[in-house]
C-alpha atoms as a PDB file:
ATOM      1  CA  MET A   1    -114.088 189.708  48.794  1.00  0.00           C
ATOM      2  CA  ALA A   2    -111.186 187.221  48.709  1.00  0.00           C
ATOM      3  CA  GLY A   3    -111.076 183.686  46.632  1.00  0.00           C
ATOM      4  CA  ILE A   4    -108.790 180.956  45.921  1.00  0.00           C
ATOM      5  CA  GLN A   5    -107.550 182.142  42.089  1.00  0.00           C
ATOM      6  CA  GLN A   6    -106.280 178.820  40.401  1.00  0.00           C
ATOM      7  CA  VAL A   7    -103.871 178.007  38.121  1.00  0.00           C
ATOM      8  CA  ASP A   8    -102.689 175.162  35.528  1.00  0.00           C
ATOM      9  CA  SER A   9     -99.288 174.186  35.393  1.00  0.00           C
ATOM     10  CA  GLN A  10     -99.567 174.704  31.712  1.00  0.00           C
ATOM     11  CA  THR A  11    -100.356 178.888  32.253  1.00  0.00           C
ATOM     12  CA  LEU A  12     -97.674 178.354  35.003  1.00  0.00           C
ATOM     13  CA  ARG A  13     -95.285 176.889  31.587  1.00  0.00           C
ATOM     14  CA  ASP A  14     -96.761 179.396  28.983  1.00  0.00           C
ATOM     15  CA  THR A  15     -96.314 182.313  30.980  1.00  0.00           C
ATOM     16  CA  GLY A  16     -92.632 181.219  32.000  1.00  0.00           C
ATOM     17  CA  VAL A  17     -91.536 180.539  28.794  1.00  0.00           C
ATOM     18  CA  ALA A  18     -93.122 184.163  28.062  1.00  0.00           C
ATOM     19  CA  PHE A  19     -90.686 185.597  30.180  1.00  0.00           C
ATOM     20  CA  VAL A  20     -87.737 183.532  29.075  1.00  0.00           C
ATOM     21  CA  ASN A  21     -88.258 184.334  25.766  1.00  0.00           C
ATOM     22  CA  SER A  22     -88.324 188.426  27.096  1.00  0.00           C
ATOM     23  CA  ALA A  23     -84.860 187.496  28.838  1.00  0.00           C
ATOM     24  CA  GLY A  24     -83.774 186.723  25.306  1.00  0.00           C
ATOM     25  CA  SER A  25     -85.200 189.986  24.011  1.00  0.00           C
ATOM     26  CA  VAL A  26     -83.494 191.752  26.422  1.00  0.00           C
ATOM     27  CA  GLY A  27     -79.591 190.151  25.542  1.00  0.00           C
ATOM     28  CA  ASP A  28     -80.369 190.767  21.871  1.00  0.00           C
ATOM     29  CA  ILE A  29     -80.856 195.385  23.129  1.00  0.00           C
ATOM     30  CA  ILE A  30     -78.044 194.853  25.084  1.00  0.00           C
ATOM     31  CA  GLY A  31     -75.918 193.498  22.244  1.00  0.00           C
ATOM     32  CA  ALA A  32     -77.280 195.267  19.404  1.00  0.00           C
ATOM     33  CA  VAL A  33     -76.799 198.804  21.718  1.00  0.00           C
ATOM     34  CA  THR A  34     -73.149 197.877  22.590  1.00  0.00           C
ATOM     35  CA  ALA A  35     -72.531 196.898  19.419  1.00  0.00           C
ATOM     36  CA  SER A  36     -73.754 200.380  17.913  1.00  0.00           C
ATOM     37  CA  ILE A  37     -72.339 202.275  20.524  1.00  0.00           C
ATOM     38  CA  GLY A  38     -69.070 200.384  19.244  1.00  0.00           C
ATOM     39  CA  ALA A  39     -69.089 201.185  15.810  1.00  0.00           C
ATOM     40  CA  LEU A  40     -70.141 205.016  16.352  1.00  0.00           C
ATOM     41  CA  ILE A  41     -67.378 207.782  15.864  1.00  0.00           C
ATOM     42  CA  TRP A  42     -68.497 209.945  18.251  1.00  0.00           C
ATOM     43  CA  THR A  43     -66.143 211.997  20.816  1.00  0.00           C
ATOM     44  CA  GLY A  44     -66.464 215.175  23.185  1.00  0.00           C
ATOM     45  CA  GLY A  45     -67.769 214.786  26.008  1.00  0.00           C
ATOM     46  CA  ILE A  46     -70.675 213.927  25.659  1.00  0.00           C
ATOM     47  CA  ALA A  47     -69.498 210.879  24.005  1.00  0.00           C
ATOM     48  CA  GLU A  48     -67.775 209.742  26.731  1.00  0.00           C
ATOM     49  CA  GLN A  49     -70.425 210.891  29.240  1.00  0.00           C
ATOM     50  CA  PHE A  50     -73.294 208.266  26.876  1.00  0.00           C
ATOM     51  CA  ASN A  51     -70.638 205.673  27.134  1.00  0.00           C
ATOM     52  CA  ALA A  52     -69.532 206.083  30.767  1.00  0.00           C
ATOM     53  CA  ASP A  53     -73.589 205.686  31.611  1.00  0.00           C
ATOM     54  CA  PHE A  54     -74.301 203.196  29.586  1.00  0.00           C
ATOM     55  CA  ASP A  55     -71.762 201.133  30.981  1.00  0.00           C
ATOM     56  CA  GLU A  56     -72.135 202.343  34.495  1.00  0.00           C
ATOM     57  CA  GLN A  57     -76.071 202.322  34.816  1.00  0.00           C
ATOM     58  CA  TYR A  58     -78.254 200.922  31.788  1.00  0.00           C
ATOM     59  CA  LYS A  59     -76.147 197.992  30.960  1.00  0.00           C
ATOM     60  CA  PRO A  60     -75.507 196.367  34.753  1.00  0.00           C
ATOM     61  CA  MET A  61     -79.411 197.021  35.059  1.00  0.00           C
ATOM     62  CA  LEU A  62     -80.677 195.366  31.512  1.00  0.00           C
ATOM     63  CA  GLU A  63     -78.421 192.250  32.471  1.00  0.00           C
ATOM     64  CA  GLN A  64     -80.007 192.506  36.457  1.00  0.00           C
ATOM     65  CA  LEU A  65     -83.171 192.337  34.219  1.00  0.00           C
ATOM     66  CA  LYS A  66     -82.357 189.529  32.301  1.00  0.00           C
ATOM     67  CA  ILE A  67     -81.443 187.546  35.113  1.00  0.00           C
ATOM     68  CA  ASP A  68     -84.196 188.346  37.193  1.00  0.00           C
ATOM     69  CA  MET A  69     -86.894 187.223  33.635  1.00  0.00           C
ATOM     70  CA  GLU A  70     -84.456 183.575  33.176  1.00  0.00           C
ATOM     71  CA  ALA A  71     -84.923 183.644  37.255  1.00  0.00           C
ATOM     72  CA  THR A  72     -88.990 184.422  37.621  1.00  0.00           C
ATOM     73  CA  SER A  73     -88.813 181.801  34.300  1.00  0.00           C
ATOM     74  CA  LYS A  74     -87.326 178.689  36.252  1.00  0.00           C
ATOM     75  CA  ALA A  75     -89.185 180.188  39.363  1.00  0.00           C
ATOM     76  CA  LEU A  76     -92.867 179.149  36.856  1.00  0.00           C
ATOM     77  CA  ASP A  77     -91.215 176.256  35.444  1.00  0.00           C
ATOM     78  CA  ASP A  78     -90.762 174.850  39.261  1.00  0.00           C
ATOM     79  CA  LYS A  79     -94.296 175.907  40.386  1.00  0.00           C
ATOM     80  CA  ALA A  80     -95.858 174.326  37.523  1.00  0.00           C
ATOM     81  CA  VAL A  81     -94.314 171.087  38.123  1.00  0.00           C
ATOM     82  CA  GLU A  82     -94.878 171.094  41.894  1.00  0.00           C
ATOM     83  CA  TYR A  83     -98.458 171.425  41.179  1.00  0.00           C
ATOM     84  CA  ASP A  84     -98.817 169.277  39.341  1.00  0.00           C
ATOM     85  CA  LEU A  85     -97.172 166.684  41.921  1.00  0.00           C
ATOM     86  CA  VAL A  86     -99.600 168.128  44.194  1.00  0.00           C
ATOM     87  CA  PHE A  87    -103.045 168.434  42.366  1.00  0.00           C
ATOM     88  CA  HIS A  88    -102.293 165.104  39.429  1.00  0.00           C
ATOM     89  CA  GLY A  89     -99.770 163.046  41.507  1.00  0.00           C
ATOM     90  CA  ALA A  90     -97.411 162.917  38.219  1.00  0.00           C
ATOM     91  CA  VAL A  91     -94.530 165.542  36.529  1.00  0.00           C
END
């Protein structure tokens, strides 16, 4: 059965804050892994492959995830403002 789902602007804002906080955590993970890799005394083919995989695959994916989470946060905040204008006439 189809129905109407409603959300209030504060829920949108709270969810946006959760997304931006999580994006910050992803940034922290990127920094921690990057620093850990830089501090390792690890040589050889496996080390080189791991470093290449992280730099070329995993780090860019994590960076994109962070960007997407920040964009989602902004979109949710924008929707909250729109909701307030439409339903309450104010921000």
